[in-house]
Amino acid sequence: MTDFSNILKKAKELEKKMKESQENIKKILATGISGGGSTKVTLNGEGEMIKLELSEAVLKENKNIIEDLILAAHNNAKIELKNKTSEELSKNAGGLGIGDFKWPL
């Protein structure tokens, strides 16, 4: 019976820590940069683009280049967000034996 109560205790701890992680993840900001800093995209913890910055020099480029710079910056921000999210989950779940858990973004 002790094993079952330990399992329930661990499950409750995990649930609490995962809720905590979810709240912390919502607060994460990740910025991706392309074009030597001329294009920046910022995503929130839910993967929504909340900011786009384009330098004056970029605005003089043709449409295809601007689109490519935005896509590259967005992809960089997404990678940064995945890394930050994984760090957050590992921090809160590491002691519960699920440190390699990957957040699906």
N, C-alpha and C. Protein backbone atom coordinates (compact mmCIF):
# COMPACT_ATOMS: atom_id res chain seq x y z
N MET A 1 0.82 -1.20 0.00
CA MET A 1 0.00 0.00 0.00
C MET A 1 0.86 1.26 0.00
N THR A 2 2.02 1.18 0.59
CA THR A 2 2.90 2.33 0.64
C THR A 2 3.34 2.76 -0.74
N ASP A 3 3.62 1.78 -1.63
CA ASP A 3 4.03 2.12 -2.99
C ASP A 3 2.96 2.91 -3.71
N PHE A 4 1.70 2.50 -3.54
CA PHE A 4 0.60 3.20 -4.21
C PHE A 4 0.46 4.62 -3.68
N SER A 5 0.60 4.80 -2.38
CA SER A 5 0.48 6.15 -1.82
C SER A 5 1.65 7.02 -2.27
N ASN A 6 2.83 6.43 -2.45
CA ASN A 6 3.97 7.19 -2.99
C ASN A 6 3.72 7.60 -4.43
N ILE A 7 3.12 6.71 -5.19
CA ILE A 7 2.80 7.02 -6.59
C ILE A 7 1.81 8.17 -6.65
N LEU A 8 0.78 8.13 -5.81
CA LEU A 8 -0.21 9.22 -5.78
C LEU A 8 0.43 10.53 -5.36
N LYS A 9 1.31 10.45 -4.37
CA LYS A 9 2.01 11.65 -3.90
C LYS A 9 2.85 12.25 -5.02
N LYS A 10 3.60 11.40 -5.73
CA LYS A 10 4.42 11.87 -6.85
C LYS A 10 3.56 12.48 -7.95
N ALA A 11 2.41 11.85 -8.22
CA ALA A 11 1.51 12.35 -9.26
C ALA A 11 0.98 13.74 -8.89
N LYS A 12 0.64 13.93 -7.63
CA LYS A 12 0.16 15.24 -7.19
C LYS A 12 1.27 16.29 -7.26
N GLU A 13 2.49 15.88 -6.89
CA GLU A 13 3.63 16.80 -7.01
C GLU A 13 3.86 17.19 -8.46
N LEU A 14 3.80 16.18 -9.33
CA LEU A 14 4.00 16.43 -10.75
C LEU A 14 2.93 17.35 -11.30
N GLU A 15 1.68 17.13 -10.94
CA GLU A 15 0.59 17.99 -11.40
C GLU A 15 0.82 19.44 -10.96
N LYS A 16 1.21 19.63 -9.70
CA LYS A 16 1.45 20.97 -9.19
C LYS A 16 2.60 21.64 -9.94
N LYS A 17 3.69 20.89 -10.12
CA LYS A 17 4.85 21.46 -10.81
C LYS A 17 4.56 21.74 -12.28
N MET A 18 3.77 20.91 -12.92
CA MET A 18 3.44 21.15 -14.32
C MET A 18 2.55 22.38 -14.46
N LYS A 19 1.62 22.58 -13.54
CA LYS A 19 0.80 23.79 -13.57
C LYS A 19 1.67 25.03 -13.37
N GLU A 20 2.62 24.91 -12.46
CA GLU A 20 3.57 26.00 -12.21
C GLU A 20 4.38 26.29 -13.47
N SER A 21 4.85 25.24 -14.11
CA SER A 21 5.62 25.40 -15.35
C SER A 21 4.79 26.05 -16.43
N GLN A 22 3.53 25.64 -16.57
CA GLN A 22 2.67 26.22 -17.60
C GLN A 22 2.50 27.72 -17.39
N GLU A 23 2.35 28.13 -16.15
CA GLU A 23 2.22 29.57 -15.85
C GLU A 23 3.53 30.30 -16.17
N ASN A 24 4.66 29.69 -15.81
CA ASN A 24 5.95 30.32 -16.09
C ASN A 24 6.22 30.39 -17.59
N ILE A 25 5.81 29.37 -18.32
CA ILE A 25 6.03 29.34 -19.77
C ILE A 25 5.26 30.46 -20.45
N LYS A 26 4.07 30.76 -19.97
CA LYS A 26 3.28 31.85 -20.56
C LYS A 26 4.02 33.19 -20.49
N LYS A 27 4.91 33.33 -19.51
CA LYS A 27 5.63 34.59 -19.30
C LYS A 27 6.93 34.68 -20.11
N ILE A 28 7.33 33.59 -20.73
CA ILE A 28 8.58 33.55 -21.48
C ILE A 28 8.46 34.42 -22.73
N LEU A 29 9.54 35.13 -23.03
CA LEU A 29 9.66 35.86 -24.29
C LEU A 29 10.90 35.35 -25.01
N ALA A 30 10.78 35.14 -26.31
CA ALA A 30 11.90 34.67 -27.11
C ALA A 30 12.00 35.56 -28.34
N THR A 31 13.22 36.04 -28.60
CA THR A 31 13.44 36.92 -29.75
C THR A 31 14.38 36.25 -30.74
N GLY A 32 13.95 36.26 -31.98
CA GLY A 32 14.78 35.75 -33.07
C GLY A 32 15.26 36.91 -33.92
N ILE A 33 16.50 36.79 -34.40
CA ILE A 33 17.12 37.88 -35.15
C ILE A 33 17.62 37.33 -36.48
N SER A 34 17.50 38.14 -37.53
CA SER A 34 18.08 37.79 -38.83
C SER A 34 18.60 39.05 -39.49
N GLY A 35 19.32 38.86 -40.58
CA GLY A 35 19.84 40.00 -41.33
C GLY A 35 20.80 40.85 -40.53
N GLY A 36 21.62 40.21 -39.70
CA GLY A 36 22.59 40.96 -38.90
C GLY A 36 21.95 41.91 -37.90
N GLY A 37 20.78 41.54 -37.43
CA GLY A 37 20.09 42.38 -36.44
C GLY A 37 19.09 43.34 -37.04
N SER A 38 18.93 43.30 -38.33
CA SER A 38 18.01 44.23 -38.99
C SER A 38 16.55 43.82 -38.87
N THR A 39 16.32 42.55 -38.53
CA THR A 39 14.95 42.02 -38.41
C THR A 39 14.86 41.25 -37.11
N LYS A 40 13.85 41.58 -36.29
CA LYS A 40 13.66 40.90 -35.01
C LYS A 40 12.20 40.52 -34.85
N VAL A 41 11.99 39.30 -34.38
CA VAL A 41 10.65 38.79 -34.10
C VAL A 41 10.64 38.32 -32.66
N THR A 42 9.64 38.73 -31.89
CA THR A 42 9.50 38.29 -30.50
C THR A 42 8.22 37.47 -30.37
N LEU A 43 8.38 36.29 -29.75
CA LEU A 43 7.25 35.41 -29.49
C LEU A 43 7.01 35.33 -27.99
N ASN A 44 5.74 35.15 -27.61
CA ASN A 44 5.46 34.91 -26.20
C ASN A 44 5.52 33.40 -25.95
N GLY A 45 5.32 32.99 -24.72
CA GLY A 45 5.43 31.59 -24.35
C GLY A 45 4.43 30.67 -25.01
N GLU A 46 3.40 31.23 -25.59
CA GLU A 46 2.40 30.43 -26.29
C GLU A 46 2.68 30.38 -27.79
N GLY A 47 3.82 30.95 -28.20
CA GLY A 47 4.21 30.90 -29.60
C GLY A 47 3.60 31.98 -30.47
N GLU A 48 2.91 32.93 -29.86
CA GLU A 48 2.30 34.02 -30.63
C GLU A 48 3.32 35.12 -30.88
N MET A 49 3.34 35.63 -32.10
CA MET A 49 4.23 36.74 -32.41
C MET A 49 3.65 37.99 -31.77
N ILE A 50 4.44 38.62 -30.90
CA ILE A 50 3.94 39.81 -30.22
C ILE A 50 4.66 41.08 -30.65
N LYS A 51 5.77 40.90 -31.39
CA LYS A 51 6.50 42.08 -31.83
C LYS A 51 7.30 41.75 -33.08
N LEU A 52 7.33 42.69 -34.01
CA LEU A 52 8.12 42.59 -35.23
C LEU A 52 8.85 43.92 -35.40
N GLU A 53 10.18 43.84 -35.50
CA GLU A 53 10.98 45.05 -35.69
C GLU A 53 11.77 44.93 -36.99
N LEU A 54 11.64 45.94 -37.83
CA LEU A 54 12.38 46.00 -39.09
C LEU A 54 13.17 47.31 -39.13
N SER A 55 14.43 47.21 -39.48
CA SER A 55 15.23 48.44 -39.58
C SER A 55 14.83 49.20 -40.84
N GLU A 56 15.21 50.45 -40.87
CA GLU A 56 14.92 51.28 -42.06
C GLU A 56 15.59 50.69 -43.29
N ALA A 57 16.78 50.12 -43.13
CA ALA A 57 17.50 49.54 -44.26
C ALA A 57 16.73 48.36 -44.86
N VAL A 58 16.11 47.56 -44.02
CA VAL A 58 15.34 46.42 -44.51
C VAL A 58 14.15 46.89 -45.34
N LEU A 59 13.54 47.97 -44.94
CA LEU A 59 12.37 48.45 -45.65
C LEU A 59 12.69 48.92 -47.07
N LYS A 60 13.96 49.12 -47.36
CA LYS A 60 14.38 49.51 -48.71
C LYS A 60 14.61 48.31 -49.61
N GLU A 61 14.59 47.10 -49.02
CA GLU A 61 14.81 45.86 -49.77
C GLU A 61 13.54 45.47 -50.52
N ASN A 62 13.70 44.50 -51.44
CA ASN A 62 12.50 44.06 -52.15
C ASN A 62 11.68 43.11 -51.26
N LYS A 63 10.46 42.91 -51.65
CA LYS A 63 9.49 42.16 -50.86
C LYS A 63 9.98 40.76 -50.50
N ASN A 64 10.58 40.04 -51.44
CA ASN A 64 11.03 38.67 -51.19
C ASN A 64 12.11 38.62 -50.11
N ILE A 65 13.00 39.56 -50.11
CA ILE A 65 14.06 39.60 -49.09
C ILE A 65 13.46 39.89 -47.72
N ILE A 66 12.55 40.83 -47.66
CA ILE A 66 11.88 41.15 -46.39
C ILE A 66 11.15 39.92 -45.85
N GLU A 67 10.43 39.23 -46.72
CA GLU A 67 9.71 38.03 -46.29
C GLU A 67 10.68 36.98 -45.75
N ASP A 68 11.79 36.77 -46.45
CA ASP A 68 12.79 35.79 -46.01
C ASP A 68 13.40 36.17 -44.66
N LEU A 69 13.67 37.45 -44.47
CA LEU A 69 14.24 37.91 -43.19
C LEU A 69 13.25 37.70 -42.04
N ILE A 70 11.98 37.97 -42.29
CA ILE A 70 10.96 37.77 -41.26
C ILE A 70 10.84 36.28 -40.92
N LEU A 71 10.80 35.44 -41.94
CA LEU A 71 10.71 34.00 -41.70
C LEU A 71 11.92 33.48 -40.92
N ALA A 72 13.10 33.93 -41.29
CA ALA A 72 14.31 33.48 -40.60
C ALA A 72 14.30 33.94 -39.13
N ALA A 73 13.91 35.16 -38.89
CA ALA A 73 13.85 35.67 -37.51
C ALA A 73 12.80 34.90 -36.71
N HIS A 74 11.66 34.62 -37.33
CA HIS A 74 10.61 33.85 -36.66
C HIS A 74 11.10 32.45 -36.31
N ASN A 75 11.78 31.80 -37.25
CA ASN A 75 12.29 30.46 -36.99
C ASN A 75 13.33 30.47 -35.87
N ASN A 76 14.17 31.49 -35.83
CA ASN A 76 15.15 31.62 -34.75
C ASN A 76 14.46 31.82 -33.40
N ALA A 77 13.40 32.63 -33.39
CA ALA A 77 12.65 32.86 -32.15
C ALA A 77 11.98 31.57 -31.68
N LYS A 78 11.48 30.79 -32.62
CA LYS A 78 10.82 29.54 -32.28
C LYS A 78 11.82 28.56 -31.64
N ILE A 79 13.01 28.50 -32.17
CA ILE A 79 14.06 27.64 -31.59
C ILE A 79 14.40 28.10 -30.17
N GLU A 80 14.55 29.41 -30.01
CA GLU A 80 14.84 29.95 -28.68
C GLU A 80 13.71 29.64 -27.71
N LEU A 81 12.47 29.76 -28.17
CA LEU A 81 11.32 29.47 -27.32
C LEU A 81 11.31 28.00 -26.90
N LYS A 82 11.60 27.10 -27.82
CA LYS A 82 11.66 25.67 -27.49
C LYS A 82 12.71 25.42 -26.42
N ASN A 83 13.88 26.04 -26.58
CA ASN A 83 14.95 25.86 -25.60
C ASN A 83 14.55 26.38 -24.23
N LYS A 84 13.98 27.57 -24.19
CA LYS A 84 13.57 28.15 -22.91
C LYS A 84 12.46 27.33 -22.26
N THR A 85 11.54 26.84 -23.07
CA THR A 85 10.44 26.03 -22.56
C THR A 85 10.96 24.72 -21.99
N SER A 86 11.88 24.08 -22.70
CA SER A 86 12.46 22.83 -22.22
C SER A 86 13.22 23.05 -20.91
N GLU A 87 13.94 24.16 -20.83
CA GLU A 87 14.65 24.49 -19.58
C GLU A 87 13.67 24.63 -18.42
N GLU A 88 12.57 25.31 -18.66
CA GLU A 88 11.57 25.52 -17.61
C GLU A 88 10.99 24.19 -17.15
N LEU A 89 10.64 23.34 -18.10
CA LEU A 89 10.06 22.05 -17.73
C LEU A 89 11.07 21.17 -17.01
N SER A 90 12.30 21.18 -17.46
CA SER A 90 13.34 20.37 -16.82
C SER A 90 13.58 20.85 -15.39
N LYS A 91 13.56 22.16 -15.21
CA LYS A 91 13.79 22.74 -13.88
C LYS A 91 12.73 22.28 -12.90
N ASN A 92 11.49 22.31 -13.31
CA ASN A 92 10.40 21.96 -12.40
C ASN A 92 10.09 20.49 -12.33
N ALA A 93 10.45 19.72 -13.34
CA ALA A 93 10.11 18.30 -13.34
C ALA A 93 11.34 17.41 -13.16
N GLY A 94 12.51 18.01 -13.11
CA GLY A 94 13.75 17.24 -13.04
C GLY A 94 13.81 16.28 -11.88
N GLY A 95 13.36 16.68 -10.73
CA GLY A 95 13.42 15.83 -9.55
C GLY A 95 12.38 14.73 -9.52
N LEU A 96 11.52 14.71 -10.52
CA LEU A 96 10.45 13.71 -10.53
C LEU A 96 10.71 12.63 -11.57
N GLY A 97 11.91 12.59 -12.11
CA GLY A 97 12.25 11.52 -13.04
C GLY A 97 11.75 11.71 -14.45
N ILE A 98 11.38 12.94 -14.83
CA ILE A 98 10.94 13.18 -16.21
C ILE A 98 11.71 14.36 -16.79
N GLY A 99 12.96 14.47 -16.46
CA GLY A 99 13.78 15.60 -16.88
C GLY A 99 13.95 15.72 -18.38
N ASP A 100 13.76 14.62 -19.12
CA ASP A 100 13.93 14.66 -20.57
C ASP A 100 12.63 14.97 -21.31
N PHE A 101 11.58 15.35 -20.56
CA PHE A 101 10.29 15.65 -21.16
C PHE A 101 10.46 16.82 -22.13
N LYS A 102 9.91 16.69 -23.33
CA LYS A 102 9.98 17.75 -24.34
C LYS A 102 8.62 18.39 -24.52
N TRP A 103 8.61 19.71 -24.51
CA TRP A 103 7.38 20.46 -24.72
C TRP A 103 7.07 20.48 -26.21
N PRO A 104 5.87 20.15 -26.61
CA PRO A 104 5.54 20.05 -28.05
C PRO A 104 5.23 21.38 -28.69
N LEU A 105 6.25 22.04 -29.22
CA LEU A 105 6.06 23.30 -29.94
C LEU A 105 6.50 23.12 -31.37
